[in-house]
């Protein structure tokens, strides 16, 4: 199974809400995590498996 890769500016659905990817980082174990800002301005980090592209 491959991880889905998102880039800053992508509109996504998280496990909690819809948001915009604002940060992409690699963990020490080699996984990618994505910082997503929601409509309230809160930023949470998710793995690619927890995100889905939002359809316009």
PDB file of N, CA and C in Angstrom:
ATOM      1  N   UNK A   1       0.848  -1.172   0.000  1.00  0.00           N
ATOM      2  CA  UNK A   1       0.000   0.000   0.000  1.00  0.00           C
ATOM      3  C   UNK A   1       0.892   1.233   0.000  1.00  0.00           C
ATOM      4  N   UNK A   2       0.580   2.211  -0.840  1.00  0.00           N
ATOM      5  CA  UNK A   2       1.373   3.439  -0.921  1.00  0.00           C
ATOM      6  C   UNK A   2       0.626   4.575  -0.250  1.00  0.00           C
ATOM      7  N   UNK A   3       1.395   5.509   0.284  1.00  0.00           N
ATOM      8  CA  UNK A   3       0.800   6.695   0.901  1.00  0.00           C
ATOM      9  C   UNK A   3       0.389   7.680  -0.183  1.00  0.00           C
ATOM     10  N   UNK A   4      -0.717   8.357   0.033  1.00  0.00           N
ATOM     11  CA  UNK A   4      -1.131   9.434  -0.844  1.00  0.00           C
ATOM     12  C   UNK A   4      -0.346  10.670  -0.450  1.00  0.00           C
ATOM     13  N   UNK A   5       0.141  11.406  -1.427  1.00  0.00           N
ATOM     14  CA  UNK A   5       0.929  12.600  -1.136  1.00  0.00           C
ATOM     15  C   UNK A   5       0.113  13.830  -1.492  1.00  0.00           C
ATOM     16  N   UNK A   6       0.056  14.752  -0.546  1.00  0.00           N
ATOM     17  CA  UNK A   6      -0.616  16.022  -0.744  1.00  0.00           C
ATOM     18  C   UNK A   6       0.421  17.127  -0.704  1.00  0.00           C
ATOM     19  N   UNK A   7       0.094  18.281  -1.273  1.00  0.00           N
ATOM     20  CA  UNK A   7       1.008  19.411  -1.258  1.00  0.00           C
ATOM     21  C   UNK A   7       0.326  20.618  -0.628  1.00  0.00           C
ATOM     22  N   UNK A   8       1.099  21.593  -0.157  1.00  0.00           N
ATOM     23  CA  UNK A   8       0.488  22.787   0.436  1.00  0.00           C
ATOM     24  C   UNK A   8      -0.507  23.433  -0.538  1.00  0.00           C
ATOM     25  N   UNK A   9      -1.646  23.812   0.004  1.00  0.00           N
ATOM     26  CA  UNK A   9      -2.708  24.420  -0.799  1.00  0.00           C
ATOM     27  C   UNK A   9      -3.802  23.458  -1.205  1.00  0.00           C
ATOM     28  N   UNK A  10      -3.563  22.146  -1.062  1.00  0.00           N
ATOM     29  CA  UNK A  10      -4.587  21.160  -1.418  1.00  0.00           C
ATOM     30  C   UNK A  10      -5.765  21.246  -0.446  1.00  0.00           C
ATOM     31  N   UNK A  11      -6.960  21.169  -0.983  1.00  0.00           N
ATOM     32  CA  UNK A  11      -8.204  21.158  -0.213  1.00  0.00           C
ATOM     33  C   UNK A  11      -8.523  19.703   0.120  1.00  0.00           C
ATOM     34  N   UNK A  12      -8.643  19.389   1.420  1.00  0.00           N
ATOM     35  CA  UNK A  12      -8.812  17.996   1.840  1.00  0.00           C
ATOM     36  C   UNK A  12      -9.898  17.858   2.903  1.00  0.00           C
ATOM     37  N   UNK A  13     -10.386  16.634   3.029  1.00  0.00           N
ATOM     38  CA  UNK A  13     -11.241  16.244   4.146  1.00  0.00           C
ATOM     39  C   UNK A  13     -10.375  15.453   5.112  1.00  0.00           C
ATOM     40  N   UNK A  14     -10.441  15.799   6.401  1.00  0.00           N
ATOM     41  CA  UNK A  14      -9.738  15.048   7.433  1.00  0.00           C
ATOM     42  C   UNK A  14     -10.744  14.149   8.130  1.00  0.00           C
ATOM     43  N   UNK A  15     -10.300  13.487   9.172  1.00  0.00           N
ATOM     44  CA  UNK A  15     -11.225  12.679   9.955  1.00  0.00           C
ATOM     45  C   UNK A  15     -12.198  13.559  10.732  1.00  0.00           C
ATOM     46  N   UNK A  16     -11.870  14.855  10.888  1.00  0.00           N
ATOM     47  CA  UNK A  16     -12.713  15.769  11.657  1.00  0.00           C
ATOM     48  C   UNK A  16     -13.500  16.765  10.813  1.00  0.00           C
ATOM     49  N   UNK A  17     -12.879  17.327   9.782  1.00  0.00           N
ATOM     50  CA  UNK A  17     -13.490  18.427   9.029  1.00  0.00           C
ATOM     51  C   UNK A  17     -12.753  18.614   7.704  1.00  0.00           C
ATOM     52  N   UNK A  18     -13.148  19.651   7.006  1.00  0.00           N
ATOM     53  CA  UNK A  18     -12.487  20.030   5.767  1.00  0.00           C
ATOM     54  C   UNK A  18     -11.421  21.068   6.076  1.00  0.00           C
ATOM     55  N   UNK A  19     -10.318  21.058   5.327  1.00  0.00           N
ATOM     56  CA  UNK A  19      -9.268  22.034   5.566  1.00  0.00           C
ATOM     57  C   UNK A  19      -8.320  22.154   4.388  1.00  0.00           C
ATOM     58  N   UNK A  20      -7.277  22.962   4.600  1.00  0.00           N
ATOM     59  CA  UNK A  20      -6.266  23.210   3.584  1.00  0.00           C
ATOM     60  C   UNK A  20      -4.920  22.733   4.114  1.00  0.00           C
ATOM     61  N   UNK A  21      -4.189  21.991   3.294  1.00  0.00           N
ATOM     62  CA  UNK A  21      -2.849  21.550   3.682  1.00  0.00           C
ATOM     63  C   UNK A  21      -1.941  22.776   3.701  1.00  0.00           C
ATOM     64  N   UNK A  22      -1.277  23.012   4.845  1.00  0.00           N
ATOM     65  CA  UNK A  22      -0.366  24.153   4.949  1.00  0.00           C
ATOM     66  C   UNK A  22       1.069  23.740   5.248  1.00  0.00           C
ATOM     67  N   UNK A  23       1.296  22.467   5.598  1.00  0.00           N
ATOM     68  CA  UNK A  23       2.629  22.014   5.969  1.00  0.00           C
ATOM     69  C   UNK A  23       2.779  20.536   5.640  1.00  0.00           C
ATOM     70  N   UNK A  24       3.965  20.159   5.179  1.00  0.00           N
ATOM     71  CA  UNK A  24       4.272  18.757   4.896  1.00  0.00           C
ATOM     72  C   UNK A  24       5.603  18.451   5.562  1.00  0.00           C
ATOM     73  N   UNK A  25       5.644  17.377   6.357  1.00  0.00           N
ATOM     74  CA  UNK A  25       6.868  17.016   7.083  1.00  0.00           C
ATOM     75  C   UNK A  25       7.071  15.510   7.045  1.00  0.00           C
ATOM     76  N   UNK A  26       8.337  15.131   7.151  1.00  0.00           N
ATOM     77  CA  UNK A  26       8.681  13.714   7.289  1.00  0.00           C
ATOM     78  C   UNK A  26       8.968  13.429   8.757  1.00  0.00           C
ATOM     79  N   UNK A  27       8.497  12.284   9.244  1.00  0.00           N
ATOM     80  CA  UNK A  27       8.789  11.871  10.616  1.00  0.00           C
ATOM     81  C   UNK A  27      10.125  11.126  10.626  1.00  0.00           C
ATOM     82  N   UNK A  28      10.726  10.939  11.796  1.00  0.00           N
ATOM     83  CA  UNK A  28      11.972  10.171  11.862  1.00  0.00           C
ATOM     84  C   UNK A  28      11.841   8.741  11.321  1.00  0.00           C
ATOM     85  N   UNK A  29      10.633   8.188  11.376  1.00  0.00           N
ATOM     86  CA  UNK A  29      10.429   6.826  10.867  1.00  0.00           C
ATOM     87  C   UNK A  29      10.209   6.782   9.352  1.00  0.00           C
ATOM     88  N   UNK A  30      10.206   7.953   8.708  1.00  0.00           N
ATOM     89  CA  UNK A  30      10.066   7.992   7.256  1.00  0.00           C
ATOM     90  C   UNK A  30       8.653   8.162   6.744  1.00  0.00           C
ATOM     91  N   UNK A  31       7.692   8.368   7.628  1.00  0.00           N
ATOM     92  CA  UNK A  31       6.307   8.618   7.209  1.00  0.00           C
ATOM     93  C   UNK A  31       6.120  10.111   6.924  1.00  0.00           C
ATOM     94  N   UNK A  32       5.206  10.438   6.056  1.00  0.00           N
ATOM     95  CA  UNK A  32       4.858  11.831   5.794  1.00  0.00           C
ATOM     96  C   UNK A  32       3.648  12.209   6.631  1.00  0.00           C
ATOM     97  N   UNK A  33       3.683  13.408   7.213  1.00  0.00           N
ATOM     98  CA  UNK A  33       2.529  13.962   7.909  1.00  0.00           C
ATOM     99  C   UNK A  33       2.216  15.316   7.292  1.00  0.00           C
ATOM    100  N   UNK A  34       0.926  15.653   7.313  1.00  0.00           N
ATOM    101  CA  UNK A  34       0.445  16.852   6.641  1.00  0.00           C
ATOM    102  C   UNK A  34      -0.269  17.741   7.641  1.00  0.00           C
ATOM    103  N   UNK A  35       0.166  18.991   7.737  1.00  0.00           N
ATOM    104  CA  UNK A  35      -0.490  19.961   8.600  1.00  0.00           C
ATOM    105  C   UNK A  35      -1.683  20.539   7.865  1.00  0.00           C
ATOM    106  N   UNK A  36      -2.862  20.418   8.479  1.00  0.00           N
ATOM    107  CA  UNK A  36      -4.098  20.876   7.847  1.00  0.00           C
ATOM    108  C   UNK A  36      -4.745  21.939   8.728  1.00  0.00           C
ATOM    109  N   UNK A  37      -5.008  23.104   8.134  1.00  0.00           N
ATOM    110  CA  UNK A  37      -5.687  24.188   8.850  1.00  0.00           C
ATOM    111  C   UNK A  37      -7.174  24.120   8.542  1.00  0.00           C
ATOM    112  N   UNK A  38      -7.997  24.080   9.597  1.00  0.00           N
ATOM    113  CA  UNK A  38      -9.447  24.026   9.396  1.00  0.00           C
ATOM    114  C   UNK A  38     -10.031  25.434   9.323  1.00  0.00           C
ATOM    115  N   UNK A  39     -11.340  25.535   9.194  1.00  0.00           N
ATOM    116  CA  UNK A  39     -12.020  26.820   9.044  1.00  0.00           C
ATOM    117  C   UNK A  39     -11.878  27.720  10.269  1.00  0.00           C
ATOM    118  N   UNK A  40     -11.572  27.131  11.423  1.00  0.00           N
ATOM    119  CA  UNK A  40     -11.421  27.897  12.658  1.00  0.00           C
ATOM    120  C   UNK A  40      -9.982  28.337  12.879  1.00  0.00           C
ATOM    121  N   UNK A  41      -9.074  27.985  11.986  1.00  0.00           N
ATOM    122  CA  UNK A  41      -7.678  28.358  12.095  1.00  0.00           C
ATOM    123  C   UNK A  41      -6.825  27.386  12.881  1.00  0.00           C
ATOM    124  N   UNK A  42      -7.397  26.290  13.351  1.00  0.00           N
ATOM    125  CA  UNK A  42      -6.645  25.282  14.089  1.00  0.00           C
ATOM    126  C   UNK A  42      -5.871  24.401  13.108  1.00  0.00           C
ATOM    127  N   UNK A  43      -4.628  24.071  13.474  1.00  0.00           N
ATOM    128  CA  UNK A  43      -3.794  23.208  12.636  1.00  0.00           C
ATOM    129  C   UNK A  43      -3.588  21.880  13.359  1.00  0.00           C
ATOM    130  N   UNK A  44      -3.874  20.809  12.649  1.00  0.00           N
ATOM    131  CA  UNK A  44      -3.647  19.457  13.155  1.00  0.00           C
ATOM    132  C   UNK A  44      -2.864  18.692  12.103  1.00  0.00           C
ATOM    133  N   UNK A  45      -2.105  17.699  12.555  1.00  0.00           N
ATOM    134  CA  UNK A  45      -1.290  16.900  11.646  1.00  0.00           C
ATOM    135  C   UNK A  45      -1.903  15.515  11.459  1.00  0.00           C
ATOM    136  N   UNK A  46      -1.878  15.051  10.191  1.00  0.00           N
ATOM    137  CA  UNK A  46      -2.473  13.771   9.823  1.00  0.00           C
ATOM    138  C   UNK A  46      -1.539  13.030   8.885  1.00  0.00           C
ATOM    139  N   UNK A  47      -1.651  11.716   8.859  1.00  0.00           N
ATOM    140  CA  UNK A  47      -0.966  10.932   7.841  1.00  0.00           C
ATOM    141  C   UNK A  47      -1.808  10.979   6.572  1.00  0.00           C
ATOM    142  N   UNK A  48      -1.225  10.597   5.466  1.00  0.00           N
ATOM    143  CA  UNK A  48      -1.953  10.593   4.196  1.00  0.00           C
ATOM    144  C   UNK A  48      -3.164   9.677   4.216  1.00  0.00           C
ATOM    145  N   UNK A  49      -3.117   8.611   5.019  1.00  0.00           N
ATOM    146  CA  UNK A  49      -4.241   7.686   5.106  1.00  0.00           C
ATOM    147  C   UNK A  49      -5.482   8.318   5.744  1.00  0.00           C
ATOM    148  N   UNK A  50      -5.292   9.365   6.529  1.00  0.00           N
ATOM    149  CA  UNK A  50      -6.408  10.023   7.227  1.00  0.00           C
ATOM    150  C   UNK A  50      -7.001  11.163   6.407  1.00  0.00           C
ATOM    151  N   UNK A  51      -6.436  11.440   5.249  1.00  0.00           N
ATOM    152  CA  UNK A  51      -6.911  12.550   4.419  1.00  0.00           C
ATOM    153  C   UNK A  51      -7.527  12.043   3.125  1.00  0.00           C
ATOM    154  N   UNK A  52      -8.499  12.786   2.637  1.00  0.00           N
ATOM    155  CA  UNK A  52      -9.123  12.507   1.351  1.00  0.00           C
ATOM    156  C   UNK A  52      -9.215  13.818   0.575  1.00  0.00           C
ATOM    157  N   UNK A  53      -8.919  13.794  -0.723  1.00  0.00           N
ATOM    158  CA  UNK A  53      -9.054  15.018  -1.514  1.00  0.00           C
ATOM    159  C   UNK A  53     -10.498  15.496  -1.508  1.00  0.00           C
ATOM    160  N   UNK A  54     -10.682  16.808  -1.364  1.00  0.00           N
ATOM    161  CA  UNK A  54     -12.024  17.385  -1.416  1.00  0.00           C
ATOM    162  C   UNK A  54     -12.370  17.668  -2.875  1.00  0.00           C
ATOM    163  N   UNK A  55     -13.573  17.348  -3.243  1.00  0.00           N
ATOM    164  CA  UNK A  55     -14.044  17.616  -4.592  1.00  0.00           C
ATOM    165  C   UNK A  55     -14.723  18.980  -4.611  1.00  0.00           C
ATOM    166  N   UNK A  56     -14.391  19.785  -5.582  1.00  0.00           N
ATOM    167  CA  UNK A  56     -14.974  21.137  -5.673  1.00  0.00           C
ATOM    168  C   UNK A  56     -16.432  21.113  -6.048  1.00  0.00           C
TER     169      UNK A  56
END
